[in-house]
């Protein structure tokens, strides 16, 4: 049976404020039946707050109205959460208690050490357990507020990535990225420009006195920034395990969701500023396609499937791709950009029993 998803289309039917995305967002929230999920509960709103010089994340206007509607629906407490580093810099992107109307807290404490160890049964390769962020596990209800974008490691980031990589601590993110393989350096191709080192968001790369590329894997998150930014293509990832990475993400997402009554979980995917790279890169790049709108529902499989289906390669904005990058010949737009099928994680989530890939969109008029 198809899952019903609410859809607020970005484009207005007429140029009246009541038909704009801001007004549709308010009507979507009114239609979401928040009360049955949040009344009398501590509600965690998990989102990605961004970082660095990036600003293409979910607009505070949208978050504030979600918070106020959640409070009005009878929530006992509401808080927005993300990783400790993102929370420390959140005010730079307008995410403060004053603007959002609730506290902004680190998911696993300020030192990233508040977590619950949870087994993965059966274990998948070396992934035998994950460390789930304490503030997420301790909440009574969860609103997964995700910004959809492409991603170099797993094809795309949406509701699942927001939980599997954002509702855990660094040690678990490292385990998941390690499913891809390691980094391999081609000494002959390398020009020693050090662009990879200078732009590593985790300061994990260095060149020693002999000019040898070295990675401190304690800090490396396998985000592939170095691979994509290297002008000589001297760095590659070995193992070819992006499908394993996606399976690990699905298993971790499943572990997070199992800590909640399914009726107390809501998924909201924001399809605006859909960029080629993840917000974790700490930079904003041109949108790949025009803004699409906002999806909401209670089925993570359906909302991820629908989000990807709405992003069409034929709508690629001219000039949106970085110079020198060309599209592959087939597949979803994100697959044609990054060479990875983004639907794989959806497939795995469905196999794990978290929803249906069939859906029906209910437009917010």
Protein backbone atom coordinates (compact mmCIF):
# COMPACT_ATOMS: atom_id res chain seq x y z
CA UNK A 1 0.00 0.00 0.00
CA UNK A 2 1.47 3.41 -0.97
CA UNK A 3 2.48 5.78 1.81
CA UNK A 4 0.96 9.25 1.71
CA UNK A 5 3.40 12.15 1.78
CA UNK A 6 2.52 15.82 2.13
CA UNK A 7 4.15 17.96 -0.55
CA UNK A 8 4.50 21.73 -0.51
CA UNK A 9 5.70 22.73 -3.97
CA UNK A 10 8.14 25.62 -4.02
CA UNK A 11 6.78 27.29 -7.15
CA UNK A 12 3.66 29.39 -6.40
CA UNK A 13 0.54 29.08 -8.55
CA UNK A 14 0.14 32.86 -8.37
CA UNK A 15 2.33 35.65 -7.07
CA UNK A 16 0.42 36.04 -3.82
CA UNK A 17 2.03 35.54 -0.40
CA UNK A 18 -0.59 32.91 0.50
CA UNK A 19 0.70 30.74 -2.35
CA UNK A 20 4.39 31.09 -1.48
CA UNK A 21 6.45 28.31 0.06
CA UNK A 22 6.46 30.02 3.48
CA UNK A 23 2.66 29.98 3.66
CA UNK A 24 2.48 26.46 2.23
CA UNK A 25 4.95 25.35 4.91
CA UNK A 26 2.61 26.60 7.61
CA UNK A 27 -0.32 24.77 6.02
CA UNK A 28 1.76 21.61 5.69
CA UNK A 29 2.51 21.71 9.41
CA UNK A 30 -1.19 22.16 10.15
CA UNK A 31 -1.90 19.04 8.06
CA UNK A 32 0.80 16.91 9.65
CA UNK A 33 -1.21 15.98 12.76
CA UNK A 34 1.70 16.81 15.03
CA UNK A 35 -0.29 16.37 18.22
CA UNK A 36 -0.55 12.59 17.96
CA UNK A 37 3.24 12.32 17.77
CA UNK A 38 4.47 15.01 20.18
CA UNK A 39 1.86 15.73 22.84
CA UNK A 40 3.37 15.48 26.32
CA UNK A 41 6.76 14.41 24.94
CA UNK A 42 10.36 15.61 24.77
CA UNK A 43 10.88 16.20 21.07
CA UNK A 44 14.27 16.17 19.35
CA UNK A 45 14.44 17.96 16.00
CA UNK A 46 17.51 16.51 14.29
CA UNK A 47 18.91 18.65 11.51
CA UNK A 48 22.25 19.57 9.97
CA UNK A 49 23.34 23.03 11.09
CA UNK A 50 26.18 23.28 8.56
CA UNK A 51 29.60 24.78 9.13
CA UNK A 52 32.54 26.73 7.74
CA UNK A 53 31.57 29.36 5.18
CA UNK A 54 28.48 27.45 4.08
CA UNK A 55 24.99 28.91 4.36
CA UNK A 56 22.83 26.74 2.08
CA UNK A 57 21.23 24.87 4.97
CA UNK A 58 17.56 24.87 6.02
CA UNK A 59 16.39 28.43 6.60
CA UNK A 60 15.76 29.39 10.26
CA UNK A 61 12.28 30.63 9.26
CA UNK A 62 11.23 27.06 8.49
CA UNK A 63 12.74 25.72 11.70
CA UNK A 64 11.12 28.38 13.89
CA UNK A 65 7.65 27.62 12.56
CA UNK A 66 8.23 23.89 13.05
CA UNK A 67 9.26 24.53 16.65
CA UNK A 68 6.28 26.80 17.37
CA UNK A 69 3.80 24.33 15.82
CA UNK A 70 5.37 21.48 17.81
CA UNK A 71 4.98 23.45 21.03
CA UNK A 72 1.39 24.33 20.14
CA UNK A 73 0.70 20.62 19.60
CA UNK A 74 1.46 20.02 23.27
CA UNK A 75 5.13 18.99 23.32
CA UNK A 76 6.60 19.04 26.83
CA UNK A 77 9.99 20.14 25.50
CA UNK A 78 11.45 20.85 22.07
CA UNK A 79 15.11 21.12 21.12
CA UNK A 80 17.13 21.26 17.91
CA UNK A 81 20.27 19.13 17.85
CA UNK A 82 23.33 18.32 15.78
CA UNK A 83 26.99 17.43 16.29
CA UNK A 84 28.97 19.42 18.89
CA UNK A 85 31.07 21.30 16.32
CA UNK A 86 28.03 22.31 14.28
CA UNK A 87 26.23 23.52 17.39
CA UNK A 88 29.21 25.65 18.46
CA UNK A 89 29.11 27.55 15.15
CA UNK A 90 25.34 27.45 14.61
CA UNK A 91 24.79 31.14 15.36
CA UNK A 92 26.77 32.03 12.21
CA UNK A 93 23.91 30.61 10.17
CA UNK A 94 21.17 32.13 12.31
CA UNK A 95 20.45 29.09 14.47
CA UNK A 96 20.08 30.43 18.00
CA UNK A 97 17.57 29.83 20.79
CA UNK A 98 16.17 33.29 20.12
CA UNK A 99 15.61 32.78 16.39
CA UNK A 100 14.38 29.17 16.59
CA UNK A 101 12.37 29.42 19.79
CA UNK A 102 14.06 26.46 21.50
CA UNK A 103 17.43 25.27 22.76
CA UNK A 104 20.14 24.16 20.31
CA UNK A 105 22.05 21.27 21.85
CA UNK A 106 24.86 18.89 20.84
CA UNK A 107 23.47 15.40 20.22
CA UNK A 108 26.16 13.68 22.28
CA UNK A 109 27.27 16.39 24.68
CA UNK A 110 29.87 19.08 24.10
CA UNK A 111 32.70 16.51 24.11
CA UNK A 112 30.90 14.02 21.82
CA UNK A 113 31.08 11.39 24.59
CA UNK A 114 27.43 10.94 25.63
CA UNK A 115 26.17 7.91 23.74
CA UNK A 116 24.61 4.46 24.00
CA UNK A 117 26.36 1.45 22.49
CA UNK A 118 23.92 -0.54 20.38
CA UNK A 119 24.71 -3.88 18.71
CA UNK A 120 24.18 -4.50 15.00
CA UNK A 121 22.81 -8.03 14.76
CA UNK A 122 23.96 -9.74 12.72
CA UNK A 123 27.14 -7.72 12.35
CA UNK A 124 27.90 -6.37 8.89
CA UNK A 125 31.60 -6.77 8.09
CA UNK A 126 33.36 -4.90 10.95
CA UNK A 127 30.20 -3.02 11.92
CA UNK A 128 29.19 -4.92 15.06
CA UNK A 129 27.93 -2.01 17.10
CA UNK A 130 27.16 1.69 16.76
CA UNK A 131 27.24 4.52 19.27
CA UNK A 132 23.92 6.38 19.25
CA UNK A 133 23.86 9.98 20.47
CA UNK A 134 22.44 10.27 23.97
CA UNK A 135 20.16 13.26 23.42
CA UNK A 136 18.47 11.47 20.52
CA UNK A 137 17.95 8.21 22.42
CA UNK A 138 16.66 10.05 25.50
CA UNK A 139 14.00 11.93 23.52
CA UNK A 140 10.42 10.63 23.42
CA UNK A 141 9.74 11.77 19.86
CA UNK A 142 11.90 12.55 16.85
CA UNK A 143 11.46 14.94 13.95
CA UNK A 144 14.02 14.15 11.26
CA UNK A 145 14.38 17.51 9.47
CA UNK A 146 16.73 16.86 6.56
CA UNK A 147 18.24 19.01 3.83
CA UNK A 148 18.46 16.92 0.64
CA UNK A 149 21.62 17.21 -1.46
CA UNK A 150 24.04 15.10 -3.48
CA UNK A 151 26.94 13.39 -1.74
CA UNK A 152 30.28 12.13 -3.02
CA UNK A 153 30.46 9.12 -0.70
CA UNK A 154 26.93 7.71 -0.73
CA UNK A 155 25.20 9.36 -3.69
CA UNK A 156 22.89 11.60 -1.69
CA UNK A 157 22.07 12.81 1.79
CA UNK A 158 18.53 13.04 3.12
CA UNK A 159 16.52 11.67 6.04
CA UNK A 160 18.62 8.53 6.42
CA UNK A 161 21.99 10.26 6.35
CA UNK A 162 20.71 12.88 8.81
CA UNK A 163 20.28 10.06 11.34
CA UNK A 164 22.97 7.54 10.42
CA UNK A 165 25.74 10.16 10.31
CA UNK A 166 24.19 12.84 12.50
CA UNK A 167 22.56 10.96 15.39
CA UNK A 168 25.78 9.15 16.28
CA UNK A 169 29.24 10.06 17.54
CA UNK A 170 32.43 10.43 15.52
CA UNK A 171 33.60 6.87 16.19
CA UNK A 172 30.50 5.48 14.44
CA UNK A 173 30.82 7.85 11.49
CA UNK A 174 34.38 6.62 11.10
CA UNK A 175 33.23 2.97 11.15
CA UNK A 176 30.67 3.69 8.45
CA UNK A 177 33.08 5.53 6.17
CA UNK A 178 35.65 2.78 6.67
CA UNK A 179 33.23 0.41 4.91
CA UNK A 180 34.21 2.19 1.69
CA UNK A 181 37.88 1.28 1.90
CA UNK A 182 40.98 3.43 2.43
CA UNK A 183 42.71 6.25 0.57
CA UNK A 184 45.33 5.45 -2.04
CA UNK A 185 47.92 8.00 -3.24
CA UNK A 186 49.65 7.97 -6.64
CA UNK A 187 53.11 9.44 -6.07
CA UNK A 188 53.80 9.74 -9.79
CA UNK A 189 50.63 11.70 -10.50
CA UNK A 190 50.93 13.97 -7.46
CA UNK A 191 52.23 17.49 -8.19
CA UNK A 192 52.78 18.33 -4.50
CA UNK A 193 50.36 21.27 -4.73
CA UNK A 194 49.03 20.40 -1.23
CA UNK A 195 45.51 21.49 -2.15
CA UNK A 196 44.20 18.29 -0.56
CA UNK A 197 45.96 19.04 2.72
CA UNK A 198 44.97 22.69 2.79
CA UNK A 199 41.30 21.91 2.16
CA UNK A 200 40.82 18.81 4.30
CA UNK A 201 37.91 19.76 6.61
CA UNK A 202 39.25 17.44 9.33
CA UNK A 203 42.97 18.34 9.08
CA UNK A 204 43.75 14.66 8.57
CA UNK A 205 46.26 15.02 5.71
CA UNK A 206 49.91 15.98 5.79
CA UNK A 207 53.02 15.58 3.63
CA UNK A 208 56.20 14.57 5.44
CA UNK A 209 59.70 15.89 4.77
CA UNK A 210 60.10 13.40 1.92
CA UNK A 211 56.91 14.64 0.26
CA UNK A 212 54.96 11.49 1.08
CA UNK A 213 51.20 11.75 1.46
CA UNK A 214 50.05 10.68 4.90
CA UNK A 215 46.57 10.36 6.41
CA UNK A 216 45.85 10.46 10.13
CA UNK A 217 42.86 8.11 10.04
CA UNK A 218 41.86 9.01 13.59
CA UNK A 219 40.67 12.33 12.12
CA UNK A 220 39.77 11.17 8.61
CA UNK A 221 36.03 10.80 8.03
CA UNK A 222 36.39 9.49 4.46
CA UNK A 223 34.37 12.46 3.19
CA UNK A 224 36.34 12.28 -0.12
CA UNK A 225 36.94 16.03 -0.25
CA UNK A 226 40.61 15.34 -1.05
CA UNK A 227 39.67 12.98 -3.90
CA UNK A 228 37.29 15.42 -5.50
CA UNK A 229 39.48 18.50 -5.08
CA UNK A 230 42.80 17.02 -6.29
CA UNK A 231 43.55 18.58 -9.72
CA UNK A 232 45.92 15.73 -10.64
CA UNK A 233 43.49 12.95 -9.59
CA UNK A 234 46.30 11.47 -7.51
CA UNK A 235 44.07 10.26 -4.68
CA UNK A 236 41.50 7.48 -4.87
CA UNK A 237 39.51 5.34 -2.49
CA UNK A 238 40.19 1.62 -2.49
CA UNK A 239 37.60 -1.04 -1.91
CA UNK A 240 34.82 0.38 -4.09
CA UNK A 241 32.42 -0.11 -1.24
CA UNK A 242 29.91 2.68 -1.59
CA UNK A 243 27.12 0.09 -1.50
CA UNK A 244 28.56 -1.24 1.75
CA UNK A 245 28.67 2.31 3.08
CA UNK A 246 25.00 2.72 2.20
CA UNK A 247 24.14 -0.60 3.86
CA UNK A 248 25.96 0.54 6.97
CA UNK A 249 24.00 3.82 6.88
CA UNK A 250 20.72 1.89 6.59
CA UNK A 251 21.63 -0.38 9.50
CA UNK A 252 22.57 2.60 11.66
CA UNK A 253 19.41 4.49 10.71
CA UNK A 254 17.46 1.37 11.65
CA UNK A 255 19.17 1.27 15.04
CA UNK A 256 18.17 4.90 15.69
CA UNK A 257 14.55 4.37 14.62
CA UNK A 258 14.19 1.26 16.79
CA UNK A 259 14.61 3.44 19.88
CA UNK A 260 11.27 5.16 19.11
CA UNK A 261 7.64 4.16 18.76
CA UNK A 262 7.09 4.56 14.97
CA UNK A 263 4.09 6.82 15.68
CA UNK A 264 6.44 9.26 17.42
CA UNK A 265 8.73 9.80 14.43
CA UNK A 266 8.18 12.31 11.62
CA UNK A 267 10.29 12.85 8.51
CA UNK A 268 10.60 16.18 6.70
CA UNK A 269 12.84 16.52 3.64
CA UNK A 270 13.61 20.03 2.40
CA UNK A 271 14.40 20.08 -1.33
CA UNK A 272 15.89 23.54 -1.71
CA UNK A 273 19.49 24.58 -2.44
CA UNK A 274 20.14 21.05 -3.72
CA UNK A 275 23.90 21.15 -4.13
CA UNK A 276 26.52 18.75 -5.45
CA UNK A 277 28.24 18.32 -2.08
CA UNK A 278 27.14 17.72 1.51
CA UNK A 279 26.66 20.61 3.93
CA UNK A 280 29.48 19.07 5.99
CA UNK A 281 31.95 20.44 3.45
CA UNK A 282 31.47 23.83 5.07
CA UNK A 283 30.87 25.66 1.81
CA UNK A 284 27.97 26.63 -0.43
CA UNK A 285 27.97 25.80 -4.14
CA UNK A 286 25.41 26.52 -6.89
CA UNK A 287 22.15 24.58 -6.76
CA UNK A 288 22.00 21.73 -9.28
CA UNK A 289 18.27 22.10 -9.99
CA UNK A 290 15.60 24.69 -9.20
CA UNK A 291 14.12 24.54 -5.70
CA UNK A 292 11.46 21.83 -5.56
CA UNK A 293 9.68 22.12 -2.23
CA UNK A 294 9.16 20.27 1.05
CA UNK A 295 8.04 16.68 1.69
CA UNK A 296 6.73 15.34 5.00
CA UNK A 297 5.42 12.03 6.26
CA UNK A 298 5.91 9.05 8.57
CA UNK A 299 7.63 6.65 6.16
CA UNK A 300 11.38 7.14 5.72
CA UNK A 301 11.57 4.82 2.71
CA UNK A 302 8.79 6.63 0.89
CA UNK A 303 10.13 10.11 1.60
CA UNK A 304 13.63 9.23 0.43
CA UNK A 305 12.26 7.55 -2.71
CA UNK A 306 10.01 10.52 -3.49
CA UNK A 307 12.79 13.04 -2.88
CA UNK A 308 15.05 11.32 -5.38
CA UNK A 309 12.24 10.89 -7.91
CA UNK A 310 11.51 14.63 -7.81
CA UNK A 311 15.12 15.52 -8.67
CA UNK A 312 15.32 15.19 -12.45
CA UNK A 313 18.50 15.28 -14.54
CA UNK A 314 16.61 17.19 -17.22
CA UNK A 315 16.26 20.12 -14.80
CA UNK A 316 19.99 20.58 -14.29
CA UNK A 317 20.74 24.31 -14.17
CA UNK A 318 23.34 25.37 -16.78
CA UNK A 319 26.62 26.25 -15.08
CA UNK A 320 25.75 24.43 -11.84
CA UNK A 321 28.50 21.84 -12.14
CA UNK A 322 32.07 22.69 -11.07
CA UNK A 323 34.42 23.39 -13.96
CA UNK A 324 35.81 20.25 -15.52
CA UNK A 325 33.09 17.97 -14.19
CA UNK A 326 30.83 16.30 -16.74
CA UNK A 327 27.76 14.13 -16.26
CA UNK A 328 27.82 10.39 -16.67
CA UNK A 329 25.65 8.83 -19.35
CA UNK A 330 22.91 7.18 -17.29
CA UNK A 331 21.13 6.92 -13.98
CA UNK A 332 19.76 9.46 -11.54
CA UNK A 333 21.25 12.96 -11.70
CA UNK A 334 23.25 12.28 -8.52
CA UNK A 335 24.57 9.04 -9.99
CA UNK A 336 25.55 10.84 -13.17
CA UNK A 337 27.46 13.35 -11.02
CA UNK A 338 29.12 11.08 -8.44
CA UNK A 339 28.95 7.63 -10.06
CA UNK A 340 26.93 6.13 -7.18
CA UNK A 341 23.31 4.97 -7.32
CA UNK A 342 21.54 7.00 -4.59
CA UNK A 343 18.60 4.59 -4.45
CA UNK A 344 20.69 1.83 -2.83
CA UNK A 345 20.14 3.11 0.72
CA UNK A 346 16.39 3.30 0.01
CA UNK A 347 16.47 -0.33 -1.11
CA UNK A 348 18.26 -1.40 2.07
CA UNK A 349 15.89 0.55 4.34
CA UNK A 350 12.94 -1.16 2.65
CA UNK A 351 14.59 -4.57 3.17
CA UNK A 352 14.94 -3.74 6.87
CA UNK A 353 11.19 -3.14 7.07
CA UNK A 354 11.14 0.63 7.53
CA UNK A 355 8.57 1.48 4.88
CA UNK A 356 7.37 1.28 1.31
CA UNK A 357 8.96 2.55 -1.88
CA UNK A 358 5.45 3.20 -3.20
CA UNK A 359 3.99 6.57 -2.31
CA UNK A 360 1.28 9.08 -3.13
CA UNK A 361 1.85 12.82 -2.93
CA UNK A 362 -0.81 14.98 -1.27
CA UNK A 363 -0.25 18.50 -2.52
CA UNK A 364 -0.57 21.39 -0.08
CA UNK A 365 -2.79 23.89 -1.86
